[in-house]
Amino acid sequence: MPRGDGTGPRGEGPGTGRGLGRGTGSGSRLGLGGGQALGPGGDCLCPKCGTKVAHKLGQPCYNMSCPKCGTKMTR
């Protein structure tokens, strides 16, 4: 843009070029950013009534039902 008024040639100026390359690179190929395995410790929490139950290794909290109200638990 010669005078900064937006009349410059197309395809040149800010916002063009290689940029950050979102969606490419090793991070997206490895599937990072999917589910979050938070490890063996911690509690499962009922979002409805607030009941906490110890997390069981190998059983996701979202597969457990709250012992008090039956709602699916979260981590």
C-alpha atoms as a PDB file:
ATOM      1  CA  MET A   1       0.000   0.000   0.000  1.00  0.00           C
ATOM      2  CA  PRO A   2       1.849   3.023  -1.218  1.00  0.00           C
ATOM      3  CA  ARG A   3       0.031   5.641   0.847  1.00  0.00           C
ATOM      4  CA  GLY A   4      -1.582   3.395   3.464  1.00  0.00           C
ATOM      5  CA  ASP A   5      -5.044   4.064   2.045  1.00  0.00           C
ATOM      6  CA  GLY A   6      -5.781   0.505   0.883  1.00  0.00           C
ATOM      7  CA  THR A   7      -5.109   1.148  -2.803  1.00  0.00           C
ATOM      8  CA  GLY A   8      -2.024  -1.033  -3.055  1.00  0.00           C
ATOM      9  CA  PRO A   9      -1.682  -4.084  -5.295  1.00  0.00           C
ATOM     10  CA  ARG A  10      -3.635  -7.222  -4.349  1.00  0.00           C
ATOM     11  CA  GLY A  11      -1.872  -9.982  -2.490  1.00  0.00           C
ATOM     12  CA  GLU A  12       0.704  -7.775  -0.855  1.00  0.00           C
ATOM     13  CA  GLY A  13       0.710  -6.291   2.576  1.00  0.00           C
ATOM     14  CA  PRO A  14      -0.360  -7.460   5.992  1.00  0.00           C
ATOM     15  CA  GLY A  15      -2.381 -10.622   6.249  1.00  0.00           C
ATOM     16  CA  THR A  16      -0.737 -12.323   3.301  1.00  0.00           C
ATOM     17  CA  GLY A  17       2.192 -14.658   3.077  1.00  0.00           C
ATOM     18  CA  ARG A  18       3.002 -17.724   5.080  1.00  0.00           C
ATOM     19  CA  GLY A  19       1.535 -16.547   8.359  1.00  0.00           C
ATOM     20  CA  LEU A  20       1.186 -18.920  11.269  1.00  0.00           C
ATOM     21  CA  GLY A  21       0.259 -21.902   9.138  1.00  0.00           C
ATOM     22  CA  ARG A  22      -2.653 -22.964  11.312  1.00  0.00           C
ATOM     23  CA  GLY A  23      -3.795 -26.485  10.694  1.00  0.00           C
ATOM     24  CA  THR A  24      -0.370 -27.618   9.578  1.00  0.00           C
ATOM     25  CA  GLY A  25       2.694 -28.823  11.366  1.00  0.00           C
ATOM     26  CA  SER A  26       3.475 -31.643  13.725  1.00  0.00           C
ATOM     27  CA  GLY A  27       0.886 -30.679  16.353  1.00  0.00           C
ATOM     28  CA  SER A  28      -2.120 -31.240  14.128  1.00  0.00           C
ATOM     29  CA  ARG A  29      -0.710 -34.432  12.612  1.00  0.00           C
ATOM     30  CA  LEU A  30      -0.210 -35.995  16.030  1.00  0.00           C
ATOM     31  CA  GLY A  31      -3.795 -35.350  17.048  1.00  0.00           C
ATOM     32  CA  LEU A  32      -2.891 -33.069  19.913  1.00  0.00           C
ATOM     33  CA  GLY A  33      -5.751 -31.157  21.465  1.00  0.00           C
ATOM     34  CA  GLY A  34      -8.170 -34.070  21.471  1.00  0.00           C
ATOM     35  CA  GLY A  35      -9.389 -35.616  24.700  1.00  0.00           C
ATOM     36  CA  GLN A  36      -7.651 -34.885  27.944  1.00  0.00           C
ATOM     37  CA  ALA A  37      -6.468 -37.891  29.874  1.00  0.00           C
ATOM     38  CA  LEU A  38      -5.974 -36.355  33.286  1.00  0.00           C
ATOM     39  CA  GLY A  39      -4.193 -39.296  34.897  1.00  0.00           C
ATOM     40  CA  PRO A  40      -5.147 -41.880  37.494  1.00  0.00           C
ATOM     41  CA  GLY A  41      -5.817 -39.588  40.457  1.00  0.00           C
ATOM     42  CA  GLY A  42      -8.550 -37.077  41.137  1.00  0.00           C
ATOM     43  CA  ASP A  43     -12.300 -37.106  41.492  1.00  0.00           C
ATOM     44  CA  CYS A  44     -15.351 -37.398  39.288  1.00  0.00           C
ATOM     45  CA  LEU A  45     -17.847 -34.605  39.918  1.00  0.00           C
ATOM     46  CA  CYS A  46     -21.589 -34.498  39.374  1.00  0.00           C
ATOM     47  CA  PRO A  47     -22.459 -31.259  37.534  1.00  0.00           C
ATOM     48  CA  LYS A  48     -26.030 -31.338  38.895  1.00  0.00           C
ATOM     49  CA  CYS A  49     -25.707 -32.000  42.645  1.00  0.00           C
ATOM     50  CA  GLY A  50     -21.948 -31.607  43.234  1.00  0.00           C
ATOM     51  CA  THR A  51     -21.257 -35.125  44.547  1.00  0.00           C
ATOM     52  CA  LYS A  52     -17.598 -36.162  44.332  1.00  0.00           C
ATOM     53  CA  VAL A  53     -16.562 -39.758  43.740  1.00  0.00           C
ATOM     54  CA  ALA A  54     -12.963 -41.017  43.520  1.00  0.00           C
ATOM     55  CA  HIS A  55     -11.893 -41.557  39.919  1.00  0.00           C
ATOM     56  CA  LYS A  56     -11.398 -45.201  38.955  1.00  0.00           C
ATOM     57  CA  LEU A  57      -8.445 -46.059  36.738  1.00  0.00           C
ATOM     58  CA  GLY A  58      -9.553 -47.079  33.240  1.00  0.00           C
ATOM     59  CA  GLN A  59     -13.127 -45.812  33.662  1.00  0.00           C
ATOM     60  CA  PRO A  60     -13.829 -42.321  32.284  1.00  0.00           C
ATOM     61  CA  CYS A  61     -15.935 -40.134  34.551  1.00  0.00           C
ATOM     62  CA  TYR A  62     -18.395 -39.428  31.731  1.00  0.00           C
ATOM     63  CA  ASN A  63     -19.279 -43.144  31.726  1.00  0.00           C
ATOM     64  CA  MET A  64     -20.144 -43.101  35.452  1.00  0.00           C
ATOM     65  CA  SER A  65     -23.538 -42.095  36.850  1.00  0.00           C
ATOM     66  CA  CYS A  66     -23.886 -40.071  40.037  1.00  0.00           C
ATOM     67  CA  PRO A  67     -24.799 -42.356  42.975  1.00  0.00           C
ATOM     68  CA  LYS A  68     -27.241 -39.735  44.316  1.00  0.00           C
ATOM     69  CA  CYS A  69     -29.092 -38.358  41.290  1.00  0.00           C
ATOM     70  CA  GLY A  70     -28.043 -40.529  38.313  1.00  0.00           C
ATOM     71  CA  THR A  71     -26.560 -37.688  36.215  1.00  0.00           C
ATOM     72  CA  LYS A  72     -23.417 -38.486  34.194  1.00  0.00           C
ATOM     73  CA  MET A  73     -20.267 -37.407  36.037  1.00  0.00           C
ATOM     74  CA  THR A  74     -17.492 -35.116  34.770  1.00  0.00           C
ATOM     75  CA  ARG A  75     -13.832 -34.977  35.731  1.00  0.00           C
END
